[in-house]
Structure formats: structure tokens, C-alpha cells
Amino acid sequence: MLVIIGIIAGALVGGWRAKSRGGKTADILQYAAVHAMIFALAGLFLTLIIHRTMV
């Protein structure tokens, strides 16, 4: 669940950052994709940490 939230949040943050810097459509899509991957990895590691500590 945290991974999906990370993907959505990352895409929104990345798109917003690129648009605020005056990026074109390709820039906005690239920023959104990269931020989505980074946030998804962070969500994955957070999920793993949570599951490991609950055992």
C-alpha cells in the first residue's frame, strides 16, 4: 500500500516541480516518472522495516 501511495505522491511532486521550473511536457513526464520511482522505493523500504519490526 505504501508503494502505491509513493508512486502517486512522487508523480505529483515531480510533475509539480518540473512545472514550477517552467518545464515542457517531456520534462514534466520525466520528473514525474523519476520521482515516482524514488518515492516507490522509499515506500518499499518503509514497508519492509515496518513488517520486520512487527515480528
C-alpha atoms as a PDB file:
ATOM      1  CA  MET A   1       0.000   0.000   0.000  1.00  0.00           C
ATOM      2  CA  LEU A   2       2.820   2.403   0.822  1.00  0.00           C
ATOM      3  CA  VAL A   3       4.400   1.692  -2.551  1.00  0.00           C
ATOM      4  CA  ILE A   4       1.253   2.753  -4.401  1.00  0.00           C
ATOM      5  CA  ILE A   5       0.955   5.878  -2.265  1.00  0.00           C
ATOM      6  CA  GLY A   6       4.622   6.588  -3.002  1.00  0.00           C
ATOM      7  CA  ILE A   7       4.089   6.257  -6.747  1.00  0.00           C
ATOM      8  CA  ILE A   8       1.146   8.644  -6.737  1.00  0.00           C
ATOM      9  CA  ALA A   9       2.776  11.157  -4.396  1.00  0.00           C
ATOM     10  CA  GLY A  10       6.061  11.006  -6.298  1.00  0.00           C
ATOM     11  CA  ALA A  11       4.387  11.597  -9.639  1.00  0.00           C
ATOM     12  CA  LEU A  12       2.500  14.580  -8.247  1.00  0.00           C
ATOM     13  CA  VAL A  13       5.570  16.088  -6.587  1.00  0.00           C
ATOM     14  CA  GLY A  14       7.764  15.505  -9.643  1.00  0.00           C
ATOM     15  CA  GLY A  15       5.216  16.965 -12.031  1.00  0.00           C
ATOM     16  CA  TRP A  16       4.733  19.988  -9.793  1.00  0.00           C
ATOM     17  CA  ARG A  17       8.494  20.602  -9.504  1.00  0.00           C
ATOM     18  CA  ALA A  18       9.033  20.412 -13.251  1.00  0.00           C
ATOM     19  CA  LYS A  19       6.067  22.639 -13.996  1.00  0.00           C
ATOM     20  CA  SER A  20       7.164  25.232 -11.445  1.00  0.00           C
ATOM     21  CA  ARG A  21      10.580  25.347 -13.125  1.00  0.00           C
ATOM     22  CA  GLY A  22       8.986  26.022 -16.487  1.00  0.00           C
ATOM     23  CA  GLY A  23       9.468  22.573 -17.985  1.00  0.00           C
ATOM     24  CA  LYS A  24       7.825  21.348 -21.147  1.00  0.00           C
ATOM     25  CA  THR A  25       5.628  18.252 -21.306  1.00  0.00           C
ATOM     26  CA  ALA A  26       8.552  15.844 -21.707  1.00  0.00           C
ATOM     27  CA  ASP A  27      10.330  17.402 -18.717  1.00  0.00           C
ATOM     28  CA  ILE A  28       7.207  17.131 -16.574  1.00  0.00           C
ATOM     29  CA  LEU A  29       6.740  13.474 -17.516  1.00  0.00           C
ATOM     30  CA  GLN A  30      10.387  12.659 -16.826  1.00  0.00           C
ATOM     31  CA  TYR A  31      10.373  14.365 -13.431  1.00  0.00           C
ATOM     32  CA  ALA A  32       7.101  12.640 -12.539  1.00  0.00           C
ATOM     33  CA  ALA A  33       8.462   9.209 -13.526  1.00  0.00           C
ATOM     34  CA  VAL A  34      11.751   9.594 -11.662  1.00  0.00           C
ATOM     35  CA  HIS A  35      10.112  10.940  -8.522  1.00  0.00           C
ATOM     36  CA  ALA A  36       7.529   8.152  -8.649  1.00  0.00           C
ATOM     37  CA  MET A  37      10.307   5.541  -8.738  1.00  0.00           C
ATOM     38  CA  ILE A  38      12.195   7.179  -5.870  1.00  0.00           C
ATOM     39  CA  PHE A  39       9.097   7.510  -3.701  1.00  0.00           C
ATOM     40  CA  ALA A  40       8.056   3.923  -4.528  1.00  0.00           C
ATOM     41  CA  LEU A  41      11.445   2.628  -3.375  1.00  0.00           C
ATOM     42  CA  ALA A  42      11.158   4.658  -0.190  1.00  0.00           C
ATOM     43  CA  GLY A  43       7.687   3.177   0.378  1.00  0.00           C
ATOM     44  CA  LEU A  44       9.012  -0.317  -0.257  1.00  0.00           C
ATOM     45  CA  PHE A  45      11.821   0.058   2.276  1.00  0.00           C
ATOM     46  CA  LEU A  46       9.446   1.607   4.794  1.00  0.00           C
ATOM     47  CA  THR A  47       7.072  -1.327   4.338  1.00  0.00           C
ATOM     48  CA  LEU A  48       9.906  -3.795   4.856  1.00  0.00           C
ATOM     49  CA  ILE A  49      11.063  -2.011   8.008  1.00  0.00           C
ATOM     50  CA  ILE A  50       7.523  -1.947   9.409  1.00  0.00           C
ATOM     51  CA  HIS A  51       6.990  -5.657   8.717  1.00  0.00           C
ATOM     52  CA  ARG A  52      10.350  -6.640  10.184  1.00  0.00           C
ATOM     53  CA  THR A  53       9.789  -4.728  13.397  1.00  0.00           C
ATOM     54  CA  MET A  54       6.316  -6.221  13.928  1.00  0.00           C
ATOM     55  CA  VAL A  55       7.623  -9.796  14.010  1.00  0.00           C
END
